[in-house]
Structures are given as C-alpha cells and as structure tokens.
Amino acid sequence: MVVATGTSQRHLASMAEKLIHRLKAAGLDGIQAEGLGDSSWVLIDAGDVIVHLFRAETRSFYDIERLWQVVPRERLKAVATAVEPN
C-alpha cells in the first residue's frame, strides 16, 4: 500500500493520471481507479499494490496509516495473555 498527499483536487487528478499512464507503460493491465472526478481521495488498484492519494485534510480525517499499522509481536502477546480465560 502506498499513501501520498496532494495539495488540491487538481493535483490529485494529475498525480493519478501520471501514475496510471506509467503503470500501463510498464505493462500492467487491469488498473482500476476510483475518485478521479471531484474527490479528495483517489484510490488506484494496481494489482499487488493499492495507491491512496489524499488531500491533506482527508488523509488526516481517515488516518488509514493507523488502521493498517502493524502491531509489534510483544504487544500482541501481552494483549493475548490479558484476555486468555483462566
């Protein structure tokens, strides 16, 4: 997953169009994009990689980095131990 920020809707559209063009030029097929219209979040599905292009305020609101962060194993073990039945 790639997350990037643009400065305006026009900037997002430009970044998205350039990325799609380069992915297709590299031989990738089946690239899908959502939000290319008047949107503050553009999602590009490039198969194995998903690209999220946000306006700064939208990126801050959704905070998807926090949603997808990897929890350290030590913390997972501590949580598992705390909820184990006796």
Protein backbone atom coordinates (compact mmCIF):
# COMPACT_ATOMS: atom_id res chain seq x y z
CA MET A 1 0.00 0.00 0.00
CA VAL A 2 1.21 3.47 -0.90
CA VAL A 3 -0.24 6.61 0.66
CA ALA A 4 0.52 10.09 -0.69
CA THR A 5 -0.79 13.61 -0.25
CA GLY A 6 -1.66 16.17 -2.91
CA THR A 7 -2.25 19.88 -2.45
CA SER A 8 -5.54 20.15 -4.34
CA GLN A 9 -8.09 18.08 -6.24
CA ARG A 10 -6.40 19.07 -9.47
CA HIS A 11 -3.02 17.95 -8.09
CA LEU A 12 -4.53 14.57 -7.08
CA ALA A 13 -6.01 14.09 -10.54
CA SER A 14 -2.69 14.95 -12.17
CA MET A 15 -0.75 12.55 -9.92
CA ALA A 16 -3.29 9.79 -10.56
CA GLU A 17 -3.30 10.23 -14.33
CA LYS A 18 0.52 10.25 -14.49
CA LEU A 19 0.77 7.16 -12.27
CA ILE A 20 -1.84 5.26 -14.30
CA HIS A 21 -0.05 6.20 -17.53
CA ARG A 22 3.31 4.98 -16.17
CA LEU A 23 1.85 1.74 -14.82
CA LYS A 24 0.26 0.98 -18.18
CA ALA A 25 3.52 1.88 -19.97
CA ALA A 26 5.28 -0.62 -17.67
CA GLY A 27 2.94 -3.32 -18.95
CA LEU A 28 0.44 -3.58 -16.10
CA ASP A 29 -3.11 -4.39 -17.19
CA GLY A 30 -6.40 -4.05 -15.36
CA ILE A 31 -5.56 -0.91 -13.42
CA GLN A 32 -8.67 0.46 -11.72
CA ALA A 33 -9.15 3.94 -10.25
CA GLU A 34 -11.87 5.40 -8.04
CA GLY A 35 -12.42 9.04 -7.13
CA LEU A 36 -10.91 10.62 -10.24
CA GLY A 37 -13.78 13.09 -10.50
CA ASP A 38 -14.22 15.84 -7.95
CA SER A 39 -12.78 13.98 -4.98
CA SER A 40 -10.33 14.47 -2.15
CA TRP A 41 -9.34 10.77 -2.19
CA VAL A 42 -8.25 8.81 -5.25
CA LEU A 43 -7.67 5.08 -4.98
CA ILE A 44 -5.69 3.24 -7.65
CA ASP A 45 -5.74 -0.56 -7.68
CA ALA A 46 -2.61 -1.74 -9.47
CA GLY A 47 -2.99 -5.40 -8.57
CA ASP A 48 -0.45 -6.18 -5.86
CA VAL A 49 -0.22 -2.50 -4.88
CA ILE A 50 -3.01 -0.17 -3.79
CA VAL A 51 -2.29 3.56 -4.02
CA HIS A 52 -4.22 6.09 -1.95
CA LEU A 53 -3.89 9.75 -2.98
CA PHE A 54 -5.38 12.17 -0.46
CA ARG A 55 -5.82 15.86 0.15
CA ALA A 56 -4.15 16.66 3.48
CA GLU A 57 -7.39 17.18 5.44
CA THR A 58 -8.91 13.96 4.08
CA ARG A 59 -5.78 11.96 4.88
CA SER A 60 -5.82 13.32 8.42
CA PHE A 61 -9.55 12.54 8.84
CA TYR A 62 -9.36 8.89 7.70
CA ASP A 63 -5.88 8.19 9.14
CA ILE A 64 -5.57 4.90 7.26
CA GLU A 65 -1.93 4.51 8.29
CA ARG A 66 -3.15 3.99 11.84
CA LEU A 67 -5.77 1.48 10.69
CA TRP A 68 -3.19 -0.58 8.80
CA GLN A 69 -0.25 -0.28 11.17
CA VAL A 70 1.49 -3.44 12.24
CA VAL A 71 1.28 -4.18 15.94
CA PRO A 72 4.60 -5.32 17.47
CA ARG A 73 4.57 -9.00 18.47
CA GLU A 74 5.31 -8.18 22.10
CA ARG A 75 2.13 -6.10 22.30
CA LEU A 76 0.07 -8.85 20.66
CA LYS A 77 1.40 -11.37 23.20
CA ALA A 78 0.58 -9.01 26.08
CA VAL A 79 -2.97 -8.48 24.82
CA ALA A 80 -3.48 -12.22 24.21
CA THR A 81 -2.22 -13.02 27.72
CA ALA A 82 -4.52 -10.41 29.25
CA VAL A 83 -7.65 -11.83 27.59
CA GLU A 84 -6.90 -15.55 27.99
CA PRO A 85 -9.51 -17.36 30.07
CA ASN A 86 -8.26 -18.78 33.38
